[in-house]
Amino acid sequence: MLPRPRSFDSPSAPAARPRHPHQIACAGCAVARASPANRTRGSRAAAEARPADAPAADGGRPRLARRRYRSRRLPVTVDSRYDVLSYTGVTAATPNEPEIEAAFGQPIGDNLELLDRLGMKMLRRQSLQALVITRGREGMVVFEPHQKPRRLPIFGSDQVADVTGAGDTVVAAFTLALAAGASFVHAAMLANCAGGLVVMKSGTATVARRELEEALRNA
């Protein structure tokens, strides 16, 4: 059985104690729980996990959050708005490209070489096991130590209706997939799919399990 993951989104909502032994806790984003049986079935199993309703947050104190959950040997994923460099030694982070540009003070634009260099730099500097940089219509890039960056094209149409909450959807789906036993790349693929679905909706939206299952079948 895998340890329970925790996902943090900063700035964050008030903390609440998870009420289920296999629940994913995530501040400010859609959360879900994965059953023990689903944990061995990879990213597709994540789409079958039941919804949950208990969020958790770091309270704006990344060092405390890291110590608290790493001491329990729990995976920690981070989605932080323009403060991602405050989180070191966590499992993974999912910043977007503008947040990477702000963190390092360098515009990336179409410079993929610079993107890869900054991604690997952040991976090493923050002692991450994985880094997922989201790039809007350009999809996302997955970084892991000793691996070449893995580029994932945008899922679905590039005719985006509304990006509100897209980052929350990505980190929630990514964390849920990890809980279901997926690799970092497969978790990012599921997150990419979920993000691609939610941006086609107006306003703050969520992705239903049935939608995600159908999208995965047709992918």
N, C-alpha and C. Protein backbone atom coordinates (compact mmCIF):
# COMPACT_ATOMS: atom_id res chain seq x y z
N MET A 1 0.84 -1.19 0.00
CA MET A 1 0.00 0.00 0.00
C MET A 1 0.88 1.25 0.00
N LEU A 2 0.56 2.17 -0.86
CA LEU A 2 1.34 3.40 -0.94
C LEU A 2 0.95 4.35 0.19
N PRO A 3 1.90 5.23 0.61
CA PRO A 3 1.54 6.24 1.60
C PRO A 3 0.55 7.23 1.04
N ARG A 4 -0.21 7.85 1.92
CA ARG A 4 -1.18 8.84 1.46
C ARG A 4 -0.46 10.10 1.00
N PRO A 5 -0.85 10.65 -0.17
CA PRO A 5 -0.23 11.89 -0.63
C PRO A 5 -0.90 13.11 -0.05
N ARG A 6 -0.19 14.22 -0.04
CA ARG A 6 -0.77 15.50 0.33
C ARG A 6 -0.42 16.51 -0.75
N SER A 7 -1.37 17.32 -1.11
CA SER A 7 -1.15 18.31 -2.15
C SER A 7 -1.47 19.68 -1.60
N PHE A 8 -0.57 20.65 -1.84
CA PHE A 8 -0.75 21.99 -1.31
C PHE A 8 -0.82 23.01 -2.43
N ASP A 9 -1.74 23.94 -2.29
CA ASP A 9 -1.94 25.01 -3.26
C ASP A 9 -1.85 26.31 -2.49
N SER A 10 -0.91 27.17 -2.80
CA SER A 10 -0.69 28.40 -2.03
C SER A 10 -0.98 29.62 -2.90
N PRO A 11 -1.69 30.69 -2.42
CA PRO A 11 -2.26 30.79 -1.09
C PRO A 11 -3.36 29.78 -0.85
N SER A 12 -3.58 29.39 0.40
CA SER A 12 -4.38 28.21 0.66
C SER A 12 -5.57 28.48 1.55
N ALA A 13 -6.46 27.48 1.58
CA ALA A 13 -7.68 27.55 2.37
C ALA A 13 -7.43 27.00 3.77
N PRO A 14 -8.37 27.23 4.71
CA PRO A 14 -8.21 26.69 6.06
C PRO A 14 -8.08 25.17 6.03
N ALA A 15 -7.28 24.65 6.93
CA ALA A 15 -7.00 23.22 6.93
C ALA A 15 -8.15 22.45 7.56
N ALA A 16 -8.30 21.22 7.10
CA ALA A 16 -9.26 20.30 7.69
C ALA A 16 -8.62 18.93 7.74
N ARG A 17 -8.92 18.16 8.77
CA ARG A 17 -8.30 16.85 8.90
C ARG A 17 -8.98 15.84 7.98
N PRO A 18 -8.23 15.11 7.14
CA PRO A 18 -8.84 14.11 6.28
C PRO A 18 -9.60 13.07 7.10
N ARG A 19 -10.73 12.62 6.57
CA ARG A 19 -11.56 11.70 7.33
C ARG A 19 -11.55 10.30 6.73
N HIS A 20 -10.69 10.02 5.78
CA HIS A 20 -10.64 8.73 5.12
C HIS A 20 -9.18 8.31 5.02
N PRO A 21 -8.85 7.03 5.31
CA PRO A 21 -7.45 6.62 5.35
C PRO A 21 -6.73 6.71 4.02
N HIS A 22 -7.45 6.80 2.91
CA HIS A 22 -6.80 6.85 1.61
C HIS A 22 -7.17 8.11 0.85
N GLN A 23 -7.47 9.17 1.58
CA GLN A 23 -7.93 10.40 0.97
C GLN A 23 -6.77 11.30 0.56
N ILE A 24 -6.93 11.96 -0.57
CA ILE A 24 -5.97 12.97 -1.00
C ILE A 24 -6.44 14.31 -0.47
N ALA A 25 -5.55 15.03 0.18
CA ALA A 25 -5.89 16.34 0.71
C ALA A 25 -5.28 17.41 -0.17
N CYS A 26 -6.08 18.38 -0.57
CA CYS A 26 -5.60 19.41 -1.49
C CYS A 26 -6.33 20.71 -1.20
N ALA A 27 -5.58 21.80 -1.02
CA ALA A 27 -6.19 23.08 -0.72
C ALA A 27 -6.60 23.80 -1.99
N GLY A 28 -7.83 24.24 -2.05
CA GLY A 28 -8.28 25.07 -3.14
C GLY A 28 -8.46 24.35 -4.46
N CYS A 29 -8.58 23.02 -4.43
CA CYS A 29 -8.75 22.31 -5.70
C CYS A 29 -9.64 21.10 -5.49
N ALA A 30 -10.05 20.51 -6.59
CA ALA A 30 -10.87 19.31 -6.51
C ALA A 30 -10.06 18.21 -5.86
N VAL A 31 -10.67 17.49 -4.91
CA VAL A 31 -9.94 16.43 -4.23
C VAL A 31 -10.66 15.11 -4.40
N ALA A 32 -9.95 14.03 -4.22
CA ALA A 32 -10.55 12.71 -4.38
C ALA A 32 -9.80 11.70 -3.55
N ARG A 33 -10.42 10.55 -3.35
CA ARG A 33 -9.74 9.49 -2.62
C ARG A 33 -9.62 8.27 -3.52
N ALA A 34 -8.56 7.52 -3.32
CA ALA A 34 -8.34 6.30 -4.09
C ALA A 34 -8.43 5.11 -3.15
N SER A 35 -9.15 4.08 -3.55
CA SER A 35 -9.26 2.89 -2.71
C SER A 35 -7.99 2.07 -2.80
N PRO A 36 -7.71 1.22 -1.80
CA PRO A 36 -6.50 0.39 -1.85
C PRO A 36 -6.44 -0.46 -3.11
N ALA A 37 -7.60 -0.98 -3.55
CA ALA A 37 -7.61 -1.83 -4.74
C ALA A 37 -7.18 -1.06 -5.97
N ASN A 38 -7.55 0.22 -6.03
CA ASN A 38 -7.22 1.02 -7.20
C ASN A 38 -5.75 1.39 -7.27
N ARG A 39 -5.03 1.30 -6.16
CA ARG A 39 -3.67 1.80 -6.10
C ARG A 39 -2.72 1.04 -7.02
N THR A 40 -3.06 -0.17 -7.40
CA THR A 40 -2.17 -0.97 -8.23
C THR A 40 -2.53 -0.88 -9.70
N ARG A 41 -3.45 -0.04 -10.06
CA ARG A 41 -3.97 -0.05 -11.42
C ARG A 41 -3.58 1.17 -12.23
N GLY A 42 -2.65 1.99 -11.70
CA GLY A 42 -2.10 3.08 -12.48
C GLY A 42 -3.04 4.23 -12.71
N SER A 43 -2.75 5.02 -13.77
CA SER A 43 -3.46 6.27 -13.97
C SER A 43 -4.93 6.09 -14.30
N ARG A 44 -5.30 4.99 -14.98
CA ARG A 44 -6.72 4.79 -15.28
C ARG A 44 -7.52 4.53 -14.01
N ALA A 45 -6.89 3.93 -13.03
CA ALA A 45 -7.58 3.69 -11.76
C ALA A 45 -7.95 5.00 -11.09
N ALA A 46 -7.15 6.03 -11.31
CA ALA A 46 -7.42 7.31 -10.67
C ALA A 46 -8.76 7.87 -11.11
N ALA A 47 -9.13 7.61 -12.35
CA ALA A 47 -10.40 8.11 -12.86
C ALA A 47 -11.58 7.43 -12.17
N GLU A 48 -11.34 6.26 -11.55
CA GLU A 48 -12.41 5.51 -10.92
C GLU A 48 -12.52 5.79 -9.42
N ALA A 49 -11.63 6.61 -8.89
CA ALA A 49 -11.65 6.91 -7.45
C ALA A 49 -12.87 7.74 -7.10
N ARG A 50 -13.37 7.57 -5.88
CA ARG A 50 -14.57 8.29 -5.44
C ARG A 50 -14.23 9.71 -5.02
N PRO A 51 -15.19 10.65 -5.16
CA PRO A 51 -14.92 12.03 -4.74
C PRO A 51 -14.81 12.14 -3.23
N ALA A 52 -14.07 13.14 -2.78
CA ALA A 52 -13.91 13.39 -1.35
C ALA A 52 -14.19 14.85 -1.06
N ASP A 53 -14.26 15.21 0.20
CA ASP A 53 -14.64 16.58 0.52
C ASP A 53 -13.84 17.16 1.68
N ALA A 54 -12.66 16.64 1.98
CA ALA A 54 -11.87 17.15 3.10
C ALA A 54 -10.58 17.76 2.61
N PRO A 55 -10.52 19.10 2.48
CA PRO A 55 -9.29 19.74 2.03
C PRO A 55 -8.30 19.91 3.17
N ALA A 56 -7.02 20.08 2.83
CA ALA A 56 -5.99 20.39 3.81
C ALA A 56 -5.08 21.44 3.23
N ALA A 57 -4.40 22.20 4.09
CA ALA A 57 -3.56 23.29 3.60
C ALA A 57 -2.33 23.42 4.48
N ASP A 58 -1.31 24.09 3.94
CA ASP A 58 -0.10 24.32 4.73
C ASP A 58 -0.19 25.61 5.54
N GLY A 59 -1.22 26.41 5.36
CA GLY A 59 -1.38 27.64 6.11
C GLY A 59 -0.36 28.70 5.74
N GLY A 60 0.23 28.58 4.54
CA GLY A 60 1.23 29.54 4.11
C GLY A 60 2.58 29.33 4.76
N ARG A 61 2.82 28.16 5.35
CA ARG A 61 4.08 27.88 6.02
C ARG A 61 4.71 26.64 5.39
N PRO A 62 5.39 26.79 4.26
CA PRO A 62 5.90 25.63 3.52
C PRO A 62 6.87 24.77 4.31
N ARG A 63 7.73 25.37 5.13
CA ARG A 63 8.69 24.57 5.89
C ARG A 63 7.99 23.67 6.90
N LEU A 64 6.97 24.22 7.55
CA LEU A 64 6.20 23.43 8.51
C LEU A 64 5.49 22.29 7.81
N ALA A 65 4.89 22.58 6.66
CA ALA A 65 4.18 21.54 5.91
C ALA A 65 5.13 20.43 5.49
N ARG A 66 6.30 20.83 5.00
CA ARG A 66 7.27 19.83 4.55
C ARG A 66 7.72 18.93 5.70
N ARG A 67 8.04 19.55 6.83
CA ARG A 67 8.49 18.76 7.98
C ARG A 67 7.38 17.83 8.48
N ARG A 68 6.18 18.36 8.51
CA ARG A 68 5.07 17.59 9.06
C ARG A 68 4.80 16.32 8.26
N TYR A 69 4.76 16.46 6.94
CA TYR A 69 4.36 15.31 6.13
C TYR A 69 5.53 14.44 5.71
N ARG A 70 6.72 15.02 5.54
CA ARG A 70 7.87 14.19 5.23
C ARG A 70 8.25 13.33 6.42
N SER A 71 8.04 13.84 7.63
CA SER A 71 8.35 13.05 8.82
C SER A 71 7.46 11.81 8.89
N ARG A 72 6.32 11.86 8.23
CA ARG A 72 5.42 10.71 8.17
C ARG A 72 5.61 9.91 6.88
N ARG A 73 6.60 10.29 6.13
CA ARG A 73 6.93 9.61 4.87
C ARG A 73 5.75 9.65 3.90
N LEU A 74 5.11 10.80 3.82
CA LEU A 74 3.98 10.99 2.91
C LEU A 74 4.43 11.82 1.71
N PRO A 75 4.05 11.43 0.49
CA PRO A 75 4.35 12.25 -0.68
C PRO A 75 3.68 13.62 -0.57
N VAL A 76 4.37 14.65 -1.00
CA VAL A 76 3.83 16.01 -0.96
C VAL A 76 3.96 16.62 -2.34
N THR A 77 2.85 17.09 -2.90
CA THR A 77 2.86 17.79 -4.19
C THR A 77 2.47 19.25 -3.95
N VAL A 78 3.08 20.13 -4.74
CA VAL A 78 2.93 21.57 -4.51
C VAL A 78 2.46 22.29 -5.77
N ASP A 79 1.46 23.15 -5.61
CA ASP A 79 1.05 24.07 -6.66
C ASP A 79 1.01 25.45 -6.02
N SER A 80 2.07 26.21 -6.16
CA SER A 80 2.20 27.49 -5.46
C SER A 80 2.28 28.64 -6.44
N ARG A 81 1.50 29.66 -6.22
CA ARG A 81 1.49 30.81 -7.12
C ARG A 81 2.65 31.75 -6.80
N TYR A 82 3.65 31.73 -7.65
CA TYR A 82 4.81 32.63 -7.56
C TYR A 82 5.59 32.49 -6.25
N ASP A 83 5.51 31.33 -5.61
CA ASP A 83 6.29 31.11 -4.40
C ASP A 83 6.85 29.69 -4.37
N VAL A 84 6.99 29.11 -5.54
CA VAL A 84 7.35 27.69 -5.62
C VAL A 84 8.75 27.43 -5.09
N LEU A 85 9.64 28.42 -5.13
CA LEU A 85 11.00 28.22 -4.65
C LEU A 85 11.08 28.13 -3.12
N SER A 86 9.96 28.38 -2.45
CA SER A 86 9.93 28.23 -1.00
C SER A 86 9.80 26.77 -0.57
N TYR A 87 9.48 25.91 -1.54
CA TYR A 87 9.24 24.50 -1.22
C TYR A 87 10.41 23.65 -1.70
N THR A 88 11.17 23.10 -0.78
CA THR A 88 12.28 22.22 -1.13
C THR A 88 12.06 20.84 -0.51
N GLY A 89 12.56 19.83 -1.20
CA GLY A 89 12.49 18.49 -0.67
C GLY A 89 11.11 17.86 -0.69
N VAL A 90 10.17 18.43 -1.44
CA VAL A 90 8.85 17.82 -1.58
C VAL A 90 8.90 16.81 -2.72
N THR A 91 7.82 16.07 -2.91
CA THR A 91 7.81 15.04 -3.94
C THR A 91 7.80 15.64 -5.34
N ALA A 92 6.88 16.55 -5.59
CA ALA A 92 6.73 17.11 -6.93
C ALA A 92 6.06 18.47 -6.86
N ALA A 93 6.24 19.26 -7.91
CA ALA A 93 5.60 20.57 -8.03
C ALA A 93 5.02 20.71 -9.42
N THR A 94 3.96 21.53 -9.55
CA THR A 94 3.30 21.70 -10.85
C THR A 94 3.13 23.18 -11.19
N PRO A 95 4.20 23.96 -11.27
CA PRO A 95 4.07 25.38 -11.61
C PRO A 95 3.74 25.56 -13.09
N ASN A 96 3.20 26.73 -13.43
CA ASN A 96 3.03 27.03 -14.84
C ASN A 96 4.25 27.80 -15.34
N GLU A 97 4.31 28.01 -16.64
CA GLU A 97 5.49 28.65 -17.23
C GLU A 97 5.72 30.07 -16.71
N PRO A 98 4.68 30.93 -16.61
CA PRO A 98 4.92 32.27 -16.05
C PRO A 98 5.49 32.23 -14.64
N GLU A 99 5.11 31.25 -13.85
CA GLU A 99 5.65 31.14 -12.49
C GLU A 99 7.13 30.77 -12.51
N ILE A 100 7.53 29.95 -13.47
CA ILE A 100 8.95 29.61 -13.63
C ILE A 100 9.72 30.85 -14.08
N GLU A 101 9.15 31.60 -15.02
CA GLU A 101 9.79 32.83 -15.48
C GLU A 101 9.99 33.81 -14.33
N ALA A 102 8.96 33.95 -13.48
CA ALA A 102 9.05 34.87 -12.35
C ALA A 102 10.07 34.38 -11.32
N ALA A 103 10.12 33.08 -11.12
CA ALA A 103 11.03 32.52 -10.11
C ALA A 103 12.49 32.76 -10.47
N PHE A 104 12.81 32.68 -11.77
CA PHE A 104 14.20 32.81 -12.20
C PHE A 104 14.49 34.13 -12.91
N GLY A 105 13.45 34.96 -13.08
CA GLY A 105 13.65 36.26 -13.70
C GLY A 105 14.08 36.19 -15.15
N GLN A 106 13.62 35.17 -15.87
CA GLN A 106 13.99 35.00 -17.28
C GLN A 106 12.76 34.67 -18.11
N PRO A 107 12.47 35.46 -19.15
CA PRO A 107 11.36 35.13 -20.04
C PRO A 107 11.71 33.93 -20.91
N ILE A 108 10.79 33.00 -21.05
CA ILE A 108 11.05 31.77 -21.80
C ILE A 108 10.56 31.88 -23.24
N GLY A 109 9.32 32.32 -23.42
CA GLY A 109 8.77 32.43 -24.77
C GLY A 109 8.82 31.11 -25.50
N ASP A 110 9.42 31.12 -26.70
CA ASP A 110 9.54 29.90 -27.51
C ASP A 110 10.88 29.20 -27.33
N ASN A 111 11.65 29.64 -26.36
CA ASN A 111 12.99 29.08 -26.14
C ASN A 111 12.89 27.79 -25.32
N LEU A 112 12.72 26.67 -26.02
CA LEU A 112 12.56 25.39 -25.34
C LEU A 112 13.83 24.95 -24.63
N GLU A 113 14.97 25.35 -25.16
CA GLU A 113 16.24 25.01 -24.51
C GLU A 113 16.32 25.67 -23.14
N LEU A 114 15.90 26.94 -23.08
CA LEU A 114 15.89 27.64 -21.80
C LEU A 114 14.87 27.02 -20.85
N LEU A 115 13.72 26.65 -21.37
CA LEU A 115 12.70 26.00 -20.55
C LEU A 115 13.25 24.74 -19.91
N ASP A 116 13.92 23.92 -20.72
CA ASP A 116 14.49 22.67 -20.20
C ASP A 116 15.58 22.95 -19.16
N ARG A 117 16.38 23.96 -19.43
CA ARG A 117 17.47 24.29 -18.51
C ARG A 117 16.92 24.76 -17.15
N LEU A 118 15.92 25.63 -17.20
CA LEU A 118 15.33 26.14 -15.96
C LEU A 118 14.58 25.03 -15.22
N GLY A 119 13.92 24.16 -15.99
CA GLY A 119 13.21 23.04 -15.37
C GLY A 119 14.15 22.12 -14.62
N MET A 120 15.27 21.76 -15.25
CA MET A 120 16.24 20.90 -14.59
C MET A 120 16.91 21.61 -13.42
N LYS A 121 17.11 22.91 -13.57
CA LYS A 121 17.70 23.69 -12.48
C LYS A 121 16.80 23.68 -11.25
N MET A 122 15.51 23.88 -11.49
CA MET A 122 14.57 23.88 -10.38
C MET A 122 14.47 22.49 -9.75
N LEU A 123 14.47 21.46 -10.58
CA LEU A 123 14.40 20.09 -10.09
C LEU A 123 15.53 19.81 -9.10
N ARG A 124 16.74 20.22 -9.48
CA ARG A 124 17.90 20.00 -8.62
C ARG A 124 17.88 20.93 -7.40
N ARG A 125 17.60 22.20 -7.65
CA ARG A 125 17.65 23.20 -6.58
C ARG A 125 16.65 22.91 -5.48
N GLN A 126 15.45 22.48 -5.86
CA GLN A 126 14.40 22.22 -4.89
C GLN A 126 14.38 20.77 -4.41
N SER A 127 15.31 19.94 -4.91
CA SER A 127 15.40 18.53 -4.51
C SER A 127 14.07 17.81 -4.73
N LEU A 128 13.51 17.98 -5.93
CA LEU A 128 12.24 17.37 -6.27
C LEU A 128 12.45 16.00 -6.91
N GLN A 129 11.49 15.13 -6.74
CA GLN A 129 11.50 13.86 -7.46
C GLN A 129 10.93 14.04 -8.87
N ALA A 130 10.09 15.03 -9.03
CA ALA A 130 9.52 15.33 -10.35
C ALA A 130 9.04 16.77 -10.37
N LEU A 131 9.05 17.34 -11.57
CA LEU A 131 8.55 18.70 -11.81
C LEU A 131 7.70 18.67 -13.06
N VAL A 132 6.50 19.22 -12.98
CA VAL A 132 5.61 19.32 -14.14
C VAL A 132 5.35 20.79 -14.39
N ILE A 133 5.82 21.30 -15.53
CA ILE A 133 5.58 22.69 -15.90
C ILE A 133 4.45 22.73 -16.92
N THR A 134 3.36 23.40 -16.56
CA THR A 134 2.24 23.53 -17.49
C THR A 134 2.45 24.75 -18.38
N ARG A 135 2.06 24.60 -19.68
CA ARG A 135 2.36 25.64 -20.66
C ARG A 135 1.14 26.08 -21.45
N GLY A 136 -0.04 25.97 -20.86
CA GLY A 136 -1.24 26.41 -21.56
C GLY A 136 -1.49 25.62 -22.83
N ARG A 137 -1.63 26.32 -23.95
CA ARG A 137 -1.90 25.67 -25.23
C ARG A 137 -0.75 24.79 -25.71
N GLU A 138 0.41 24.92 -25.09
CA GLU A 138 1.56 24.10 -25.47
C GLU A 138 1.66 22.82 -24.64
N GLY A 139 0.67 22.55 -23.81
CA GLY A 139 0.69 21.32 -23.03
C GLY A 139 1.51 21.43 -21.76
N MET A 140 2.34 20.45 -21.50
CA MET A 140 3.16 20.46 -20.29
C MET A 140 4.45 19.68 -20.52
N VAL A 141 5.41 19.89 -19.62
CA VAL A 141 6.69 19.20 -19.69
C VAL A 141 6.96 18.55 -18.33
N VAL A 142 7.36 17.28 -18.37
CA VAL A 142 7.65 16.53 -17.14
C VAL A 142 9.16 16.36 -16.99
N PHE A 143 9.67 16.74 -15.84
CA PHE A 143 11.10 16.61 -15.55
C PHE A 143 11.30 15.62 -14.41
N GLU A 144 12.25 14.72 -14.60
CA GLU A 144 12.67 13.79 -13.56
C GLU A 144 14.19 13.72 -13.55
N PRO A 145 14.81 13.44 -12.40
CA PRO A 145 16.27 13.34 -12.36
C PRO A 145 16.78 12.26 -13.32
N HIS A 146 17.86 12.58 -14.03
CA HIS A 146 18.53 11.63 -14.92
C HIS A 146 17.66 11.18 -16.09
N GLN A 147 16.63 11.96 -16.41
CA GLN A 147 15.75 11.66 -17.54
C GLN A 147 15.65 12.88 -18.44
N LYS A 148 15.44 12.64 -19.73
CA LYS A 148 15.19 13.75 -20.63
C LYS A 148 13.80 14.31 -20.37
N PRO A 149 13.61 15.62 -20.52
CA PRO A 149 12.28 16.20 -20.32
C PRO A 149 11.26 15.53 -21.24
N ARG A 150 10.10 15.24 -20.73
CA ARG A 150 9.03 14.60 -21.49
C ARG A 150 7.95 15.63 -21.81
N ARG A 151 7.76 15.92 -23.09
CA ARG A 151 6.78 16.92 -23.52
C ARG A 151 5.44 16.25 -23.83
N LEU A 152 4.40 16.79 -23.25
CA LEU A 152 3.05 16.28 -23.48
C LEU A 152 2.23 17.35 -24.18
N PRO A 153 1.75 17.08 -25.39
CA PRO A 153 0.93 18.08 -26.09
C PRO A 153 -0.39 18.30 -25.37
N ILE A 154 -1.02 19.41 -25.63
CA ILE A 154 -2.30 19.72 -25.01
C ILE A 154 -3.31 18.63 -25.34
N PHE A 155 -4.14 18.29 -24.38
CA PHE A 155 -5.17 17.29 -24.62
C PHE A 155 -6.41 17.98 -25.17
N GLY A 156 -6.94 17.46 -26.28
CA GLY A 156 -8.14 18.02 -26.87
C GLY A 156 -7.87 19.25 -27.71
N SER A 157 -8.85 20.13 -27.82
CA SER A 157 -8.76 21.32 -28.65
C SER A 157 -7.96 22.42 -27.96
N ASP A 158 -7.32 23.26 -28.78
CA ASP A 158 -6.62 24.42 -28.21
C ASP A 158 -7.53 25.64 -28.13
N GLN A 159 -8.82 25.45 -28.43
CA GLN A 159 -9.81 26.52 -28.31
C GLN A 159 -10.31 26.55 -26.87
N VAL A 160 -9.59 27.25 -26.02
CA VAL A 160 -9.87 27.26 -24.59
C VAL A 160 -11.04 28.19 -24.26
N ALA A 161 -11.96 27.71 -23.43
CA ALA A 161 -13.10 28.54 -23.02
C ALA A 161 -12.76 29.35 -21.78
N ASP A 162 -12.13 28.73 -20.79
CA ASP A 162 -11.85 29.41 -19.53
C ASP A 162 -10.78 28.61 -18.78
N VAL A 163 -9.70 29.28 -18.38
CA VAL A 163 -8.61 28.58 -17.69
C VAL A 163 -8.76 28.64 -16.16
N THR A 164 -9.86 29.22 -15.68
CA THR A 164 -10.06 29.32 -14.23
C THR A 164 -10.03 27.94 -13.58
N GLY A 165 -9.16 27.77 -12.61
CA GLY A 165 -9.09 26.51 -11.89
C GLY A 165 -8.35 25.39 -12.59
N ALA A 166 -7.77 25.68 -13.76
CA ALA A 166 -7.08 24.63 -14.50
C ALA A 166 -5.89 24.07 -13.72
N GLY A 167 -5.13 24.95 -13.08
CA GLY A 167 -3.99 24.49 -12.30
C GLY A 167 -4.40 23.62 -11.13
N ASP A 168 -5.53 23.96 -10.50
CA ASP A 168 -6.04 23.15 -9.40
C ASP A 168 -6.43 21.76 -9.89
N THR A 169 -7.06 21.71 -11.06
CA THR A 169 -7.45 20.43 -11.63
C THR A 169 -6.23 19.58 -11.93
N VAL A 170 -5.20 20.21 -12.48
CA VAL A 170 -3.98 19.48 -12.84
C VAL A 170 -3.33 18.87 -11.61
N VAL A 171 -3.12 19.67 -10.56
CA VAL A 171 -2.43 19.14 -9.38
C VAL A 171 -3.29 18.09 -8.66
N ALA A 172 -4.61 18.26 -8.68
CA ALA A 172 -5.48 17.27 -8.04
C ALA A 172 -5.43 15.94 -8.79
N ALA A 173 -5.55 15.99 -10.12
CA ALA A 173 -5.50 14.75 -10.91
C ALA A 173 -4.13 14.10 -10.83
N PHE A 174 -3.09 14.92 -10.86
CA PHE A 174 -1.72 14.40 -10.77
C PHE A 174 -1.50 13.67 -9.45
N THR A 175 -1.94 14.27 -8.36
CA THR A 175 -1.76 13.67 -7.05
C THR A 175 -2.60 12.41 -6.90
N LEU A 176 -3.81 12.44 -7.39
CA LEU A 176 -4.68 11.27 -7.34
C LEU A 176 -4.08 10.11 -8.12
N ALA A 177 -3.51 10.40 -9.28
CA ALA A 177 -2.89 9.34 -10.08
C ALA A 177 -1.70 8.73 -9.36
N LEU A 178 -0.91 9.56 -8.68
CA LEU A 178 0.20 9.03 -7.89
C LEU A 178 -0.32 8.10 -6.80
N ALA A 179 -1.43 8.48 -6.18
CA ALA A 179 -2.02 7.65 -5.13
C ALA A 179 -2.50 6.32 -5.69
N ALA A 180 -2.88 6.31 -6.96
CA ALA A 180 -3.36 5.08 -7.60
C ALA A 180 -2.21 4.23 -8.11
N GLY A 181 -0.97 4.68 -7.92
CA GLY A 181 0.18 3.88 -8.32
C GLY A 181 0.81 4.26 -9.63
N ALA A 182 0.42 5.38 -10.21
CA ALA A 182 0.97 5.79 -11.50
C ALA A 182 2.39 6.34 -11.35
N SER A 183 3.16 6.23 -12.42
CA SER A 183 4.46 6.89 -12.47
C SER A 183 4.24 8.39 -12.61
N PHE A 184 5.32 9.17 -12.47
CA PHE A 184 5.18 10.61 -12.62
C PHE A 184 4.69 10.98 -14.03
N VAL A 185 5.22 10.31 -15.04
CA VAL A 185 4.80 10.61 -16.42
C VAL A 185 3.35 10.24 -16.63
N HIS A 186 2.94 9.06 -16.18
CA HIS A 186 1.55 8.65 -16.36
C HIS A 186 0.61 9.54 -15.55
N ALA A 187 1.04 9.96 -14.37
CA ALA A 187 0.23 10.88 -13.58
C ALA A 187 0.07 12.21 -14.30
N ALA A 188 1.14 12.67 -14.94
CA ALA A 188 1.06 13.92 -15.70
C ALA A 188 0.14 13.77 -16.91
N MET A 189 0.15 12.59 -17.53
CA MET A 189 -0.74 12.36 -18.67
C MET A 189 -2.20 12.46 -18.24
N LEU A 190 -2.53 11.87 -17.09
CA LEU A 190 -3.89 11.95 -16.59
C LEU A 190 -4.25 13.39 -16.24
N ALA A 191 -3.31 14.09 -15.61
CA ALA A 191 -3.54 15.49 -15.25
C ALA A 191 -3.72 16.35 -16.49
N ASN A 192 -2.96 16.05 -17.53
CA ASN A 192 -3.07 16.77 -18.79
C ASN A 192 -4.45 16.58 -19.40
N CYS A 193 -4.94 15.36 -19.32
CA CYS A 193 -6.28 15.05 -19.82
C CYS A 193 -7.34 15.80 -19.03
N ALA A 194 -7.25 15.74 -17.71
CA ALA A 194 -8.23 16.42 -16.86
C ALA A 194 -8.19 17.93 -17.09
N GLY A 195 -6.99 18.49 -17.19
CA GLY A 195 -6.87 19.92 -17.45
C GLY A 195 -7.44 20.31 -18.79
N GLY A 196 -7.21 19.47 -19.81
CA GLY A 196 -7.74 19.74 -21.14
C GLY A 196 -9.25 19.74 -21.17
N LEU A 197 -9.86 18.91 -20.34
CA LEU A 197 -11.32 18.85 -20.29
C LEU A 197 -11.90 20.06 -19.56
N VAL A 198 -11.27 20.45 -18.45
CA VAL A 198 -11.87 21.51 -17.63
C VAL A 198 -11.78 22.88 -18.29
N VAL A 199 -10.75 23.12 -19.10
CA VAL A 199 -10.63 24.44 -19.72
C VAL A 199 -11.62 24.64 -20.87
N MET A 200 -12.30 23.59 -21.26
CA MET A 200 -13.34 23.71 -22.28
C MET A 200 -14.67 24.16 -21.69
N LYS A 201 -14.71 24.32 -20.38
CA LYS A 201 -15.93 24.73 -19.70
C LYS A 201 -15.81 26.17 -19.22
N SER A 202 -16.91 26.86 -19.13
CA SER A 202 -16.90 28.25 -18.68
C SER A 202 -16.93 28.32 -17.16
N GLY A 203 -16.19 29.28 -16.62
CA GLY A 203 -16.16 29.47 -15.18
C GLY A 203 -15.35 28.40 -14.47
N THR A 204 -15.41 28.44 -13.14
CA THR A 204 -14.73 27.43 -12.34
C THR A 204 -15.48 26.11 -12.47
N ALA A 205 -14.82 25.11 -13.00
CA ALA A 205 -15.50 23.85 -13.31
C ALA A 205 -14.71 22.66 -12.79
N THR A 206 -15.35 21.51 -12.78
CA THR A 206 -14.71 20.27 -12.39
C THR A 206 -14.87 19.25 -13.51
N VAL A 207 -14.14 18.17 -13.41
CA VAL A 207 -14.24 17.08 -14.38
C VAL A 207 -14.85 15.87 -13.68
N ALA A 208 -15.95 15.37 -14.22
CA ALA A 208 -16.60 14.21 -13.63
C ALA A 208 -15.83 12.94 -13.96
N ARG A 209 -15.98 11.95 -13.11
CA ARG A 209 -15.29 10.67 -13.33
C ARG A 209 -15.64 10.09 -14.70
N ARG A 210 -16.91 10.15 -15.05
CA ARG A 210 -17.35 9.57 -16.32
C ARG A 210 -16.69 10.27 -17.51
N GLU A 211 -16.55 11.60 -17.42
CA GLU A 211 -15.87 12.35 -18.48
C GLU A 211 -14.43 11.89 -18.64
N LEU A 212 -13.76 11.74 -17.52
CA LEU A 212 -12.35 11.36 -17.55
C LEU A 212 -12.18 9.95 -18.08
N GLU A 213 -13.04 9.05 -17.66
CA GLU A 213 -12.97 7.67 -18.14
C GLU A 213 -13.18 7.62 -19.65
N GLU A 214 -14.17 8.36 -20.14
CA GLU A 214 -14.45 8.37 -21.58
C GLU A 214 -13.28 8.96 -22.36
N ALA A 215 -12.71 10.04 -21.85
CA ALA A 215 -11.57 10.67 -22.52
C ALA A 215 -10.38 9.73 -22.57
N LEU A 216 -10.14 8.98 -21.49
CA LEU A 216 -9.03 8.04 -21.46
C LEU A 216 -9.25 6.89 -22.43
N ARG A 217 -10.49 6.44 -22.55
CA ARG A 217 -10.79 5.36 -23.50
C ARG A 217 -10.56 5.80 -24.93
N ASN A 218 -10.87 7.06 -25.22
CA ASN A 218 -10.77 7.56 -26.59
C ASN A 218 -9.41 8.16 -26.92
N ALA A 219 -8.53 8.24 -25.93
CA ALA A 219 -7.22 8.86 -26.15
C ALA A 219 -6.34 8.00 -27.06
